[in-house]
């Protein structure tokens, strides 16, 4: 995430969107308290404009991902290479899929949105990320989409926006709930790691295509 202000704006939207009728203490994914927090969930995504926008943009461009691509000096066929990579992962053990997807997408360079897009904050589709690279939420989005292509349920995954207490900056990761654990796919950590091993992350909210959760200590 490129700016602390974005985090505060999104956290404010999260609090406002919960509504008085949203129950506390609802069942957590796989019974795991993410980074030790409690959660308030909602299926009202209307305030998360950047998230809805990137989902809509991806929906409009995903149909061309399987188009033939001929590599040239100016066309590196990133999307075609990515889909071939995913096809080769099909049938691998599920934990191995997480490791390979995390490693594959972490190879892309990190670049801040004001430099990359001339905007304070921009959420990129996988195609945009692979051709222009991006910042933390862009890695997380591409990892989520990769796992969806591999047949993972969206209910097992969330983009998590949080505070990195060591660096004093906002950050975003992908969390996958697997075998009663919350596993973190993070552009700052080379390997997939259990969330309960990370002490310096303070989640604000998490979100997938159907739902979002506000996190409280």
N, C-alpha and C. Protein backbone atom coordinates (compact mmCIF):
# COMPACT_ATOMS: atom_id res chain seq x y z
N UNK A 1 0.85 -1.18 0.00
CA UNK A 1 0.00 0.00 0.00
C UNK A 1 0.88 1.23 0.00
N UNK A 2 0.56 2.19 -0.82
CA UNK A 2 1.50 3.27 -1.05
C UNK A 2 1.38 4.41 -0.07
N UNK A 3 0.26 4.56 0.64
CA UNK A 3 0.10 5.75 1.47
C UNK A 3 -0.67 5.43 2.76
N UNK A 4 -0.16 5.95 3.86
CA UNK A 4 -0.82 5.75 5.14
C UNK A 4 -2.24 6.32 5.12
N UNK A 5 -2.43 7.43 4.41
CA UNK A 5 -3.75 8.04 4.38
C UNK A 5 -4.78 7.09 3.79
N UNK A 6 -4.38 6.31 2.78
CA UNK A 6 -5.32 5.36 2.19
C UNK A 6 -5.82 4.37 3.24
N UNK A 7 -4.89 3.90 4.08
CA UNK A 7 -5.29 2.95 5.11
C UNK A 7 -6.31 3.57 6.04
N UNK A 8 -6.09 4.80 6.47
CA UNK A 8 -7.02 5.43 7.39
C UNK A 8 -8.38 5.64 6.73
N UNK A 9 -8.38 5.98 5.45
CA UNK A 9 -9.64 6.16 4.73
C UNK A 9 -10.41 4.84 4.62
N UNK A 10 -9.69 3.78 4.29
CA UNK A 10 -10.34 2.49 4.14
C UNK A 10 -10.81 1.95 5.48
N UNK A 11 -10.03 2.18 6.53
CA UNK A 11 -10.46 1.73 7.85
C UNK A 11 -11.72 2.48 8.27
N UNK A 12 -11.77 3.78 7.97
CA UNK A 12 -12.97 4.55 8.27
C UNK A 12 -14.17 4.05 7.50
N UNK A 13 -13.95 3.72 6.23
CA UNK A 13 -15.05 3.16 5.43
C UNK A 13 -15.49 1.82 6.00
N UNK A 14 -14.53 1.04 6.47
CA UNK A 14 -14.86 -0.26 7.04
C UNK A 14 -15.75 -0.12 8.27
N UNK A 15 -15.38 0.77 9.16
CA UNK A 15 -16.19 0.97 10.36
C UNK A 15 -17.58 1.44 9.99
N UNK A 16 -17.67 2.38 9.04
CA UNK A 16 -18.97 2.92 8.65
C UNK A 16 -19.85 1.88 7.98
N UNK A 17 -19.21 0.96 7.25
CA UNK A 17 -19.99 0.00 6.47
C UNK A 17 -20.53 -1.16 7.29
N UNK A 18 -20.06 -1.34 8.52
CA UNK A 18 -20.51 -2.50 9.28
C UNK A 18 -22.00 -2.44 9.56
N UNK A 19 -22.51 -1.27 9.93
CA UNK A 19 -23.93 -1.16 10.23
C UNK A 19 -24.26 -1.71 11.59
N UNK A 20 -25.30 -1.21 12.18
CA UNK A 20 -25.65 -1.58 13.55
C UNK A 20 -26.11 -3.02 13.66
N UNK A 21 -26.56 -3.61 12.55
CA UNK A 21 -27.14 -4.95 12.64
C UNK A 21 -26.11 -6.06 12.50
N UNK A 22 -24.84 -5.73 12.24
CA UNK A 22 -23.85 -6.77 12.00
C UNK A 22 -23.44 -7.43 13.31
N UNK A 23 -23.58 -8.76 13.44
CA UNK A 23 -23.30 -9.42 14.71
C UNK A 23 -21.81 -9.49 15.01
N UNK A 24 -21.47 -9.38 16.27
CA UNK A 24 -20.11 -9.59 16.74
C UNK A 24 -19.88 -11.08 16.95
N UNK A 25 -18.60 -11.47 16.88
CA UNK A 25 -18.23 -12.82 17.25
C UNK A 25 -18.75 -13.88 16.30
N UNK A 26 -18.97 -13.56 15.02
CA UNK A 26 -19.43 -14.57 14.08
C UNK A 26 -18.31 -15.56 13.80
N UNK A 27 -18.67 -16.67 13.24
CA UNK A 27 -17.68 -17.73 13.01
C UNK A 27 -16.55 -17.25 12.13
N UNK A 28 -15.33 -17.57 12.52
CA UNK A 28 -14.15 -17.19 11.75
C UNK A 28 -13.80 -18.31 10.78
N UNK A 29 -13.11 -17.94 9.70
CA UNK A 29 -12.69 -18.94 8.73
C UNK A 29 -11.78 -19.95 9.42
N UNK A 30 -12.15 -21.23 9.32
CA UNK A 30 -11.39 -22.33 9.89
C UNK A 30 -11.17 -22.17 11.40
N UNK A 31 -11.94 -21.32 12.06
CA UNK A 31 -11.78 -21.13 13.49
C UNK A 31 -10.52 -20.40 13.89
N UNK A 32 -9.85 -19.75 12.95
CA UNK A 32 -8.58 -19.09 13.22
C UNK A 32 -8.81 -17.61 13.48
N UNK A 33 -8.23 -17.10 14.56
CA UNK A 33 -8.26 -15.67 14.84
C UNK A 33 -7.04 -15.05 14.17
N UNK A 34 -7.26 -14.35 13.07
CA UNK A 34 -6.16 -13.85 12.26
C UNK A 34 -5.34 -12.83 13.04
N UNK A 35 -4.05 -13.12 13.21
CA UNK A 35 -3.14 -12.29 13.99
C UNK A 35 -3.73 -11.98 15.37
N UNK A 36 -4.50 -12.91 15.91
CA UNK A 36 -5.05 -12.77 17.25
C UNK A 36 -6.20 -11.80 17.38
N UNK A 37 -6.82 -11.40 16.28
CA UNK A 37 -7.88 -10.39 16.33
C UNK A 37 -9.26 -11.02 16.32
N UNK A 38 -10.24 -10.24 16.75
CA UNK A 38 -11.64 -10.57 16.56
C UNK A 38 -12.12 -9.92 15.26
N UNK A 39 -13.22 -10.44 14.71
CA UNK A 39 -13.68 -9.97 13.41
C UNK A 39 -15.15 -9.60 13.44
N UNK A 40 -15.48 -8.58 12.68
CA UNK A 40 -16.86 -8.23 12.39
C UNK A 40 -17.01 -8.31 10.87
N UNK A 41 -17.93 -9.13 10.39
CA UNK A 41 -18.04 -9.37 8.96
C UNK A 41 -19.25 -8.72 8.34
N UNK A 42 -19.16 -8.48 7.05
CA UNK A 42 -20.27 -7.90 6.30
C UNK A 42 -20.15 -8.30 4.84
N UNK A 43 -21.30 -8.43 4.18
CA UNK A 43 -21.28 -8.67 2.73
C UNK A 43 -21.56 -7.39 1.94
N UNK A 44 -21.55 -6.25 2.61
CA UNK A 44 -21.74 -4.97 1.93
C UNK A 44 -20.38 -4.42 1.50
N UNK A 45 -20.07 -4.55 0.22
CA UNK A 45 -18.77 -4.12 -0.31
C UNK A 45 -18.84 -2.74 -0.98
N UNK A 46 -19.95 -2.05 -0.85
CA UNK A 46 -20.20 -0.85 -1.66
C UNK A 46 -19.18 0.26 -1.44
N UNK A 47 -18.57 0.32 -0.26
CA UNK A 47 -17.63 1.39 0.01
C UNK A 47 -16.21 1.08 -0.46
N UNK A 48 -15.97 -0.14 -0.88
CA UNK A 48 -14.62 -0.53 -1.28
C UNK A 48 -14.48 -0.36 -2.79
N UNK A 49 -14.43 0.89 -3.21
CA UNK A 49 -14.49 1.20 -4.64
C UNK A 49 -13.29 0.67 -5.41
N UNK A 50 -12.09 0.78 -4.85
CA UNK A 50 -10.91 0.29 -5.57
C UNK A 50 -10.96 -1.22 -5.76
N UNK A 51 -11.46 -1.91 -4.75
CA UNK A 51 -11.58 -3.37 -4.86
C UNK A 51 -12.62 -3.75 -5.91
N UNK A 52 -13.78 -3.13 -5.88
CA UNK A 52 -14.80 -3.44 -6.87
C UNK A 52 -14.34 -3.06 -8.27
N UNK A 53 -13.60 -1.98 -8.38
CA UNK A 53 -13.11 -1.55 -9.68
C UNK A 53 -12.12 -2.56 -10.27
N UNK A 54 -11.21 -3.05 -9.45
CA UNK A 54 -10.24 -4.00 -9.98
C UNK A 54 -10.92 -5.33 -10.33
N UNK A 55 -11.93 -5.73 -9.57
CA UNK A 55 -12.67 -6.94 -9.93
C UNK A 55 -13.38 -6.77 -11.27
N UNK A 56 -13.99 -5.62 -11.49
CA UNK A 56 -14.69 -5.37 -12.75
C UNK A 56 -13.71 -5.31 -13.92
N UNK A 57 -12.57 -4.66 -13.72
CA UNK A 57 -11.58 -4.58 -14.79
C UNK A 57 -11.01 -5.96 -15.12
N UNK A 58 -10.78 -6.76 -14.08
CA UNK A 58 -10.27 -8.10 -14.35
C UNK A 58 -11.31 -8.94 -15.09
N UNK A 59 -12.56 -8.80 -14.73
CA UNK A 59 -13.61 -9.55 -15.41
C UNK A 59 -13.65 -9.23 -16.90
N UNK A 60 -13.37 -7.97 -17.26
CA UNK A 60 -13.42 -7.57 -18.66
C UNK A 60 -12.19 -8.02 -19.45
N UNK A 61 -11.07 -8.27 -18.77
CA UNK A 61 -9.86 -8.62 -19.51
C UNK A 61 -9.48 -10.10 -19.39
N UNK A 62 -10.09 -10.83 -18.47
CA UNK A 62 -9.66 -12.20 -18.22
C UNK A 62 -9.93 -13.14 -19.39
N UNK A 63 -10.90 -12.79 -20.23
CA UNK A 63 -11.23 -13.66 -21.35
C UNK A 63 -10.12 -13.79 -22.38
N UNK A 64 -9.17 -12.86 -22.38
CA UNK A 64 -8.09 -12.91 -23.37
C UNK A 64 -6.83 -13.59 -22.84
N UNK A 65 -6.87 -14.12 -21.61
CA UNK A 65 -5.65 -14.65 -21.01
C UNK A 65 -5.12 -15.88 -21.74
N UNK A 66 -5.99 -16.62 -22.40
CA UNK A 66 -5.55 -17.83 -23.10
C UNK A 66 -5.26 -17.59 -24.57
N UNK A 67 -5.29 -16.33 -24.99
CA UNK A 67 -4.95 -16.02 -26.38
C UNK A 67 -3.49 -16.37 -26.66
N UNK A 68 -3.23 -16.80 -27.89
CA UNK A 68 -1.85 -17.10 -28.28
C UNK A 68 -1.01 -15.83 -28.23
N UNK A 69 0.24 -15.97 -27.83
CA UNK A 69 1.14 -14.82 -27.72
C UNK A 69 2.51 -15.22 -28.24
N UNK A 70 3.05 -14.42 -29.14
CA UNK A 70 4.37 -14.67 -29.70
C UNK A 70 5.37 -13.71 -29.07
N UNK A 71 6.32 -14.21 -28.28
CA UNK A 71 7.28 -13.30 -27.63
C UNK A 71 8.13 -12.55 -28.65
N UNK A 72 8.30 -11.28 -28.40
CA UNK A 72 9.17 -10.43 -29.21
C UNK A 72 10.00 -9.57 -28.26
N UNK A 73 10.79 -8.68 -28.84
CA UNK A 73 11.61 -7.80 -28.02
C UNK A 73 10.76 -6.88 -27.17
N UNK A 74 9.56 -6.56 -27.64
CA UNK A 74 8.69 -5.63 -26.90
C UNK A 74 7.49 -6.30 -26.27
N UNK A 75 7.28 -7.56 -26.56
CA UNK A 75 6.14 -8.31 -25.99
C UNK A 75 6.68 -9.55 -25.27
N UNK A 76 6.65 -9.49 -23.96
CA UNK A 76 7.20 -10.58 -23.17
C UNK A 76 6.17 -11.66 -22.83
N UNK A 77 4.93 -11.48 -23.24
CA UNK A 77 3.89 -12.49 -23.05
C UNK A 77 3.75 -12.91 -21.59
N UNK A 78 3.75 -11.94 -20.71
CA UNK A 78 3.71 -12.24 -19.28
C UNK A 78 2.46 -13.02 -18.90
N UNK A 79 1.31 -12.63 -19.45
CA UNK A 79 0.06 -13.30 -19.07
C UNK A 79 0.05 -14.73 -19.59
N UNK A 80 0.48 -14.93 -20.83
CA UNK A 80 0.52 -16.28 -21.38
C UNK A 80 1.49 -17.16 -20.59
N UNK A 81 2.63 -16.63 -20.22
CA UNK A 81 3.60 -17.41 -19.42
C UNK A 81 3.00 -17.76 -18.06
N UNK A 82 2.30 -16.82 -17.48
CA UNK A 82 1.66 -17.05 -16.17
C UNK A 82 0.63 -18.16 -16.25
N UNK A 83 -0.23 -18.14 -17.30
CA UNK A 83 -1.25 -19.18 -17.42
C UNK A 83 -0.62 -20.54 -17.71
N UNK A 84 0.47 -20.58 -18.48
CA UNK A 84 1.18 -21.85 -18.69
C UNK A 84 1.75 -22.36 -17.37
N UNK A 85 2.32 -21.45 -16.60
CA UNK A 85 2.84 -21.80 -15.28
C UNK A 85 1.73 -22.40 -14.40
N UNK A 86 0.56 -21.78 -14.40
CA UNK A 86 -0.55 -22.29 -13.59
C UNK A 86 -1.02 -23.65 -14.09
N UNK A 87 -1.07 -23.83 -15.39
CA UNK A 87 -1.47 -25.13 -15.94
C UNK A 87 -0.53 -26.24 -15.47
N UNK A 88 0.75 -25.92 -15.39
CA UNK A 88 1.74 -26.91 -14.96
C UNK A 88 1.62 -27.22 -13.47
N UNK A 89 1.03 -26.30 -12.71
CA UNK A 89 0.85 -26.51 -11.27
C UNK A 89 -0.36 -27.38 -10.96
N UNK A 90 -1.29 -27.49 -11.89
CA UNK A 90 -2.49 -28.29 -11.65
C UNK A 90 -2.09 -29.72 -11.28
N UNK A 91 -2.68 -30.24 -10.22
CA UNK A 91 -2.36 -31.58 -9.78
C UNK A 91 -1.25 -31.66 -8.77
N UNK A 92 -0.50 -30.57 -8.57
CA UNK A 92 0.52 -30.55 -7.52
C UNK A 92 -0.16 -30.53 -6.14
N UNK A 93 0.52 -30.99 -5.10
CA UNK A 93 -0.03 -30.86 -3.74
C UNK A 93 -0.40 -29.42 -3.45
N UNK A 94 -1.48 -29.22 -2.71
CA UNK A 94 -2.01 -27.88 -2.51
C UNK A 94 -1.01 -26.95 -1.83
N UNK A 95 -0.31 -27.44 -0.83
CA UNK A 95 0.67 -26.57 -0.15
C UNK A 95 1.79 -26.18 -1.12
N UNK A 96 2.17 -27.08 -2.01
CA UNK A 96 3.18 -26.74 -3.02
C UNK A 96 2.67 -25.66 -3.96
N UNK A 97 1.38 -25.71 -4.31
CA UNK A 97 0.82 -24.66 -5.16
C UNK A 97 0.98 -23.29 -4.51
N UNK A 98 0.71 -23.21 -3.21
CA UNK A 98 0.89 -21.93 -2.52
C UNK A 98 2.33 -21.45 -2.60
N UNK A 99 3.26 -22.34 -2.36
CA UNK A 99 4.67 -21.96 -2.39
C UNK A 99 5.09 -21.49 -3.77
N UNK A 100 4.68 -22.22 -4.80
CA UNK A 100 5.09 -21.86 -6.16
C UNK A 100 4.47 -20.56 -6.63
N UNK A 101 3.18 -20.35 -6.32
CA UNK A 101 2.52 -19.11 -6.71
C UNK A 101 3.17 -17.93 -6.01
N UNK A 102 3.44 -18.07 -4.72
CA UNK A 102 4.08 -16.98 -3.98
C UNK A 102 5.45 -16.65 -4.57
N UNK A 103 6.23 -17.66 -4.85
CA UNK A 103 7.57 -17.45 -5.41
C UNK A 103 7.50 -16.84 -6.81
N UNK A 104 6.59 -17.33 -7.62
CA UNK A 104 6.50 -16.86 -9.00
C UNK A 104 6.17 -15.36 -9.05
N UNK A 105 5.20 -14.93 -8.28
CA UNK A 105 4.77 -13.53 -8.36
C UNK A 105 5.68 -12.60 -7.57
N UNK A 106 6.38 -13.12 -6.58
CA UNK A 106 7.33 -12.28 -5.85
C UNK A 106 8.55 -11.91 -6.68
N UNK A 107 8.73 -12.56 -7.84
CA UNK A 107 9.88 -12.22 -8.69
C UNK A 107 9.71 -10.85 -9.35
N UNK A 108 8.49 -10.34 -9.40
CA UNK A 108 8.26 -9.04 -10.04
C UNK A 108 8.74 -7.92 -9.12
N UNK A 109 9.24 -6.86 -9.71
CA UNK A 109 9.81 -5.75 -8.94
C UNK A 109 8.70 -4.95 -8.25
N UNK A 110 9.05 -4.39 -7.12
CA UNK A 110 8.13 -3.53 -6.37
C UNK A 110 8.27 -2.09 -6.83
N UNK A 111 7.14 -1.43 -7.08
CA UNK A 111 7.17 -0.02 -7.47
C UNK A 111 5.93 0.67 -6.90
N UNK A 112 6.12 1.87 -6.36
CA UNK A 112 5.02 2.60 -5.75
C UNK A 112 4.06 3.16 -6.79
N UNK A 113 2.80 3.27 -6.44
CA UNK A 113 1.78 3.73 -7.36
C UNK A 113 2.01 5.15 -7.89
N UNK A 114 2.45 6.12 -7.06
CA UNK A 114 2.68 7.46 -7.63
C UNK A 114 3.73 7.45 -8.75
N UNK A 115 4.69 6.57 -8.65
CA UNK A 115 5.70 6.45 -9.70
C UNK A 115 5.15 5.68 -10.88
N UNK A 116 4.43 4.62 -10.61
CA UNK A 116 3.96 3.70 -11.64
C UNK A 116 2.76 4.24 -12.41
N UNK A 117 1.81 4.83 -11.68
CA UNK A 117 0.54 5.25 -12.29
C UNK A 117 0.26 6.74 -12.14
N UNK A 118 1.11 7.45 -11.40
CA UNK A 118 0.84 8.86 -11.15
C UNK A 118 -0.36 9.07 -10.27
N UNK A 119 -0.70 8.08 -9.46
CA UNK A 119 -1.84 8.16 -8.55
C UNK A 119 -1.38 7.81 -7.14
N UNK A 120 -2.10 8.32 -6.15
CA UNK A 120 -1.76 8.01 -4.77
C UNK A 120 -1.90 6.53 -4.49
N UNK A 121 -2.96 5.92 -5.02
CA UNK A 121 -3.16 4.49 -4.81
C UNK A 121 -3.95 3.92 -5.98
N UNK A 122 -3.50 2.76 -6.48
CA UNK A 122 -4.15 2.11 -7.61
C UNK A 122 -4.05 0.61 -7.41
N UNK A 123 -5.19 -0.09 -7.54
CA UNK A 123 -5.21 -1.55 -7.41
C UNK A 123 -5.20 -2.15 -8.81
N UNK A 124 -4.18 -2.94 -9.10
CA UNK A 124 -3.92 -3.42 -10.46
C UNK A 124 -4.46 -4.83 -10.68
N UNK A 125 -4.91 -5.09 -11.90
CA UNK A 125 -5.26 -6.44 -12.32
C UNK A 125 -3.97 -7.25 -12.51
N UNK A 126 -4.07 -8.57 -12.60
CA UNK A 126 -2.86 -9.36 -12.89
C UNK A 126 -2.14 -8.92 -14.16
N UNK A 127 -2.87 -8.62 -15.21
CA UNK A 127 -2.22 -8.18 -16.45
C UNK A 127 -1.43 -6.89 -16.21
N UNK A 128 -2.06 -5.93 -15.56
CA UNK A 128 -1.38 -4.67 -15.29
C UNK A 128 -0.15 -4.90 -14.42
N UNK A 129 -0.30 -5.74 -13.40
CA UNK A 129 0.83 -6.01 -12.51
C UNK A 129 1.98 -6.67 -13.26
N UNK A 130 1.69 -7.63 -14.10
CA UNK A 130 2.77 -8.36 -14.75
C UNK A 130 3.49 -7.54 -15.81
N UNK A 131 2.79 -6.58 -16.40
CA UNK A 131 3.44 -5.74 -17.40
C UNK A 131 4.06 -4.48 -16.81
N UNK A 132 3.53 -4.02 -15.66
CA UNK A 132 4.05 -2.78 -15.09
C UNK A 132 4.62 -2.95 -13.69
N UNK A 133 4.50 -4.16 -13.14
CA UNK A 133 4.77 -4.50 -11.74
C UNK A 133 3.88 -3.63 -10.84
N UNK A 134 4.17 -3.58 -9.54
CA UNK A 134 3.26 -2.86 -8.67
C UNK A 134 3.69 -2.88 -7.23
N UNK A 135 2.75 -2.56 -6.34
CA UNK A 135 3.05 -2.57 -4.91
C UNK A 135 2.26 -3.66 -4.21
N UNK A 136 2.20 -3.63 -2.88
CA UNK A 136 1.85 -4.82 -2.11
C UNK A 136 0.49 -5.41 -2.44
N UNK A 137 -0.55 -4.57 -2.57
CA UNK A 137 -1.86 -5.15 -2.84
C UNK A 137 -1.92 -5.78 -4.23
N UNK A 138 -1.08 -5.31 -5.15
CA UNK A 138 -1.07 -5.88 -6.49
C UNK A 138 -0.51 -7.30 -6.49
N UNK A 139 0.54 -7.53 -5.69
CA UNK A 139 1.01 -8.91 -5.52
C UNK A 139 -0.10 -9.78 -4.95
N UNK A 140 -0.78 -9.28 -3.92
CA UNK A 140 -1.80 -10.07 -3.24
C UNK A 140 -2.96 -10.41 -4.19
N UNK A 141 -3.37 -9.43 -4.99
CA UNK A 141 -4.47 -9.66 -5.94
C UNK A 141 -4.08 -10.72 -6.97
N UNK A 142 -2.90 -10.62 -7.53
CA UNK A 142 -2.47 -11.59 -8.54
C UNK A 142 -2.32 -12.99 -7.94
N UNK A 143 -1.89 -13.07 -6.69
CA UNK A 143 -1.80 -14.37 -6.04
C UNK A 143 -3.18 -14.96 -5.82
N UNK A 144 -4.13 -14.14 -5.39
CA UNK A 144 -5.49 -14.63 -5.21
C UNK A 144 -6.07 -15.14 -6.52
N UNK A 145 -5.92 -14.38 -7.59
CA UNK A 145 -6.46 -14.79 -8.88
C UNK A 145 -5.78 -16.08 -9.36
N UNK A 146 -4.48 -16.19 -9.13
CA UNK A 146 -3.76 -17.41 -9.51
C UNK A 146 -4.36 -18.63 -8.83
N UNK A 147 -4.63 -18.51 -7.55
CA UNK A 147 -5.18 -19.64 -6.81
C UNK A 147 -6.62 -19.94 -7.23
N UNK A 148 -7.38 -18.92 -7.58
CA UNK A 148 -8.72 -19.15 -8.11
C UNK A 148 -8.65 -19.97 -9.40
N UNK A 149 -7.69 -19.63 -10.27
CA UNK A 149 -7.52 -20.41 -11.50
C UNK A 149 -7.16 -21.86 -11.21
N UNK A 150 -6.46 -22.08 -10.09
CA UNK A 150 -6.06 -23.44 -9.73
C UNK A 150 -7.17 -24.20 -9.00
N UNK A 151 -8.31 -23.55 -8.80
CA UNK A 151 -9.45 -24.23 -8.21
C UNK A 151 -9.66 -23.99 -6.73
N UNK A 152 -8.85 -23.10 -6.14
CA UNK A 152 -9.06 -22.77 -4.73
C UNK A 152 -10.36 -21.98 -4.58
N UNK A 153 -11.03 -22.19 -3.48
CA UNK A 153 -12.26 -21.46 -3.20
C UNK A 153 -11.95 -20.04 -2.75
N UNK A 154 -12.74 -19.08 -3.24
CA UNK A 154 -12.54 -17.71 -2.77
C UNK A 154 -12.85 -17.60 -1.28
N UNK A 155 -13.67 -18.50 -0.75
CA UNK A 155 -13.98 -18.47 0.67
C UNK A 155 -12.77 -18.79 1.54
N UNK A 156 -11.74 -19.40 0.94
CA UNK A 156 -10.54 -19.75 1.70
C UNK A 156 -9.49 -18.65 1.66
N UNK A 157 -9.79 -17.52 0.98
CA UNK A 157 -8.77 -16.50 0.78
C UNK A 157 -9.27 -15.11 1.11
N UNK A 158 -8.35 -14.25 1.55
CA UNK A 158 -8.65 -12.85 1.79
C UNK A 158 -7.43 -11.99 1.47
N UNK A 159 -7.68 -10.83 0.88
CA UNK A 159 -6.69 -9.76 0.88
C UNK A 159 -6.77 -9.10 2.26
N UNK A 160 -5.64 -8.95 2.93
CA UNK A 160 -5.62 -8.37 4.27
C UNK A 160 -4.81 -7.06 4.22
N UNK A 161 -5.46 -5.97 4.61
CA UNK A 161 -4.80 -4.67 4.73
C UNK A 161 -4.46 -4.47 6.20
N UNK A 162 -3.22 -4.09 6.46
CA UNK A 162 -2.73 -4.09 7.84
C UNK A 162 -1.68 -3.02 8.06
N UNK A 163 -1.31 -2.85 9.30
CA UNK A 163 -0.17 -2.03 9.68
C UNK A 163 1.05 -2.92 9.85
N UNK A 164 2.16 -2.57 9.21
CA UNK A 164 3.44 -3.21 9.48
C UNK A 164 4.08 -2.42 10.62
N UNK A 165 4.06 -2.98 11.81
CA UNK A 165 4.52 -2.26 12.99
C UNK A 165 6.03 -2.07 13.00
N UNK A 166 6.77 -2.94 12.32
CA UNK A 166 8.22 -2.76 12.25
C UNK A 166 8.61 -1.57 11.38
N UNK A 167 7.95 -1.44 10.25
CA UNK A 167 8.28 -0.38 9.30
C UNK A 167 7.45 0.88 9.52
N UNK A 168 6.36 0.75 10.28
CA UNK A 168 5.49 1.90 10.51
C UNK A 168 4.75 2.36 9.28
N UNK A 169 4.38 1.40 8.41
CA UNK A 169 3.68 1.74 7.17
C UNK A 169 2.53 0.75 6.95
N UNK A 170 1.53 1.13 6.16
CA UNK A 170 0.49 0.17 5.77
C UNK A 170 1.03 -0.84 4.77
N UNK A 171 0.38 -1.98 4.73
CA UNK A 171 0.84 -3.08 3.89
C UNK A 171 -0.37 -3.93 3.54
N UNK A 172 -0.24 -4.79 2.53
CA UNK A 172 -1.31 -5.72 2.15
C UNK A 172 -0.70 -7.06 1.80
N UNK A 173 -1.40 -8.13 2.17
CA UNK A 173 -0.95 -9.49 1.92
C UNK A 173 -2.14 -10.33 1.49
N UNK A 174 -1.87 -11.55 1.05
CA UNK A 174 -2.91 -12.55 0.85
C UNK A 174 -2.83 -13.56 1.97
N UNK A 175 -3.95 -13.87 2.59
CA UNK A 175 -4.04 -14.94 3.58
C UNK A 175 -4.91 -16.05 3.01
N UNK A 176 -4.40 -17.27 3.12
CA UNK A 176 -5.14 -18.46 2.67
C UNK A 176 -5.36 -19.36 3.89
N UNK A 177 -6.61 -19.74 4.10
CA UNK A 177 -6.96 -20.65 5.19
C UNK A 177 -6.87 -22.08 4.67
N UNK A 178 -5.95 -22.85 5.26
CA UNK A 178 -5.67 -24.20 4.76
C UNK A 178 -5.28 -25.09 5.94
N UNK A 179 -5.98 -26.21 6.08
CA UNK A 179 -5.69 -27.18 7.13
C UNK A 179 -5.63 -26.51 8.50
N UNK A 180 -6.65 -25.73 8.80
CA UNK A 180 -6.81 -25.08 10.11
C UNK A 180 -5.70 -24.09 10.44
N UNK A 181 -5.09 -23.54 9.41
CA UNK A 181 -4.08 -22.51 9.60
C UNK A 181 -4.36 -21.34 8.66
N UNK A 182 -3.96 -20.15 9.09
CA UNK A 182 -3.96 -18.99 8.22
C UNK A 182 -2.55 -18.83 7.68
N UNK A 183 -2.40 -19.02 6.37
CA UNK A 183 -1.09 -18.97 5.74
C UNK A 183 -0.93 -17.65 4.99
N UNK A 184 0.23 -17.03 5.13
CA UNK A 184 0.49 -15.70 4.59
C UNK A 184 1.33 -15.81 3.33
N UNK A 185 0.84 -15.20 2.24
CA UNK A 185 1.60 -15.03 1.01
C UNK A 185 1.90 -13.54 0.89
N UNK A 186 3.17 -13.19 1.01
CA UNK A 186 3.59 -11.82 1.26
C UNK A 186 4.76 -11.48 0.35
N UNK A 187 4.71 -10.33 -0.30
CA UNK A 187 5.84 -9.95 -1.14
C UNK A 187 7.09 -9.60 -0.34
N UNK A 188 6.94 -9.40 0.98
CA UNK A 188 8.08 -9.08 1.83
C UNK A 188 8.72 -10.32 2.47
N UNK A 189 8.07 -11.48 2.33
CA UNK A 189 8.56 -12.71 2.94
C UNK A 189 8.68 -13.76 1.84
N UNK A 190 9.88 -14.31 1.61
CA UNK A 190 10.06 -15.22 0.47
C UNK A 190 9.21 -16.48 0.54
N UNK A 191 9.02 -17.05 1.74
CA UNK A 191 8.31 -18.30 1.86
C UNK A 191 6.90 -18.07 2.40
N UNK A 192 6.02 -19.03 2.12
CA UNK A 192 4.68 -19.02 2.74
C UNK A 192 4.86 -19.35 4.21
N UNK A 193 4.21 -18.57 5.08
CA UNK A 193 4.45 -18.69 6.51
C UNK A 193 3.11 -18.63 7.25
N UNK A 194 3.04 -19.32 8.39
CA UNK A 194 1.84 -19.29 9.21
C UNK A 194 1.68 -17.89 9.83
N UNK A 195 0.46 -17.39 9.83
CA UNK A 195 0.22 -16.04 10.34
C UNK A 195 0.60 -15.92 11.81
N UNK A 196 0.44 -16.98 12.58
CA UNK A 196 0.73 -16.87 14.01
C UNK A 196 2.22 -16.81 14.31
N UNK A 197 3.05 -16.91 13.29
CA UNK A 197 4.49 -16.72 13.48
C UNK A 197 4.91 -15.27 13.26
N UNK A 198 3.99 -14.45 12.79
CA UNK A 198 4.31 -13.04 12.50
C UNK A 198 3.74 -12.18 13.61
N UNK A 199 4.59 -11.41 14.26
CA UNK A 199 4.19 -10.62 15.41
C UNK A 199 4.04 -9.13 15.12
N UNK A 200 4.51 -8.70 13.95
CA UNK A 200 4.55 -7.26 13.69
C UNK A 200 3.48 -6.79 12.71
N UNK A 201 2.46 -7.63 12.47
CA UNK A 201 1.37 -7.23 11.59
C UNK A 201 0.10 -7.01 12.42
N UNK A 202 -0.55 -5.88 12.18
CA UNK A 202 -1.77 -5.51 12.86
C UNK A 202 -2.87 -5.32 11.81
N UNK A 203 -3.74 -6.32 11.61
CA UNK A 203 -4.72 -6.23 10.52
C UNK A 203 -5.78 -5.17 10.80
N UNK A 204 -6.19 -4.48 9.75
CA UNK A 204 -7.27 -3.49 9.82
C UNK A 204 -8.56 -4.09 9.23
N UNK A 205 -8.48 -4.53 7.99
CA UNK A 205 -9.62 -5.23 7.40
C UNK A 205 -9.12 -6.26 6.40
N UNK A 206 -9.97 -7.24 6.11
CA UNK A 206 -9.67 -8.23 5.08
C UNK A 206 -10.90 -8.36 4.18
N UNK A 207 -10.67 -8.84 2.95
CA UNK A 207 -11.74 -8.79 1.96
C UNK A 207 -11.54 -9.87 0.90
N UNK A 208 -12.66 -10.42 0.41
CA UNK A 208 -12.62 -11.24 -0.79
C UNK A 208 -13.74 -10.78 -1.71
N UNK A 209 -14.12 -11.60 -2.66
CA UNK A 209 -15.08 -11.14 -3.66
C UNK A 209 -16.50 -10.98 -3.12
N UNK A 210 -16.80 -11.65 -2.02
CA UNK A 210 -18.17 -11.64 -1.52
C UNK A 210 -18.34 -10.96 -0.18
N UNK A 211 -17.25 -10.74 0.56
CA UNK A 211 -17.39 -10.35 1.95
C UNK A 211 -16.14 -9.61 2.41
N UNK A 212 -16.29 -8.87 3.51
CA UNK A 212 -15.12 -8.25 4.14
C UNK A 212 -15.28 -8.33 5.66
N UNK A 213 -14.14 -8.17 6.34
CA UNK A 213 -14.11 -8.30 7.79
C UNK A 213 -13.30 -7.15 8.39
N UNK A 214 -13.83 -6.54 9.42
CA UNK A 214 -13.12 -5.55 10.21
C UNK A 214 -12.44 -6.28 11.36
N UNK A 215 -11.15 -6.00 11.58
CA UNK A 215 -10.37 -6.69 12.61
C UNK A 215 -10.17 -5.77 13.81
N UNK A 216 -10.36 -6.35 14.98
CA UNK A 216 -10.16 -5.61 16.22
C UNK A 216 -9.38 -6.48 17.20
N UNK A 217 -8.48 -5.86 17.94
CA UNK A 217 -7.64 -6.59 18.88
C UNK A 217 -8.43 -7.10 20.07
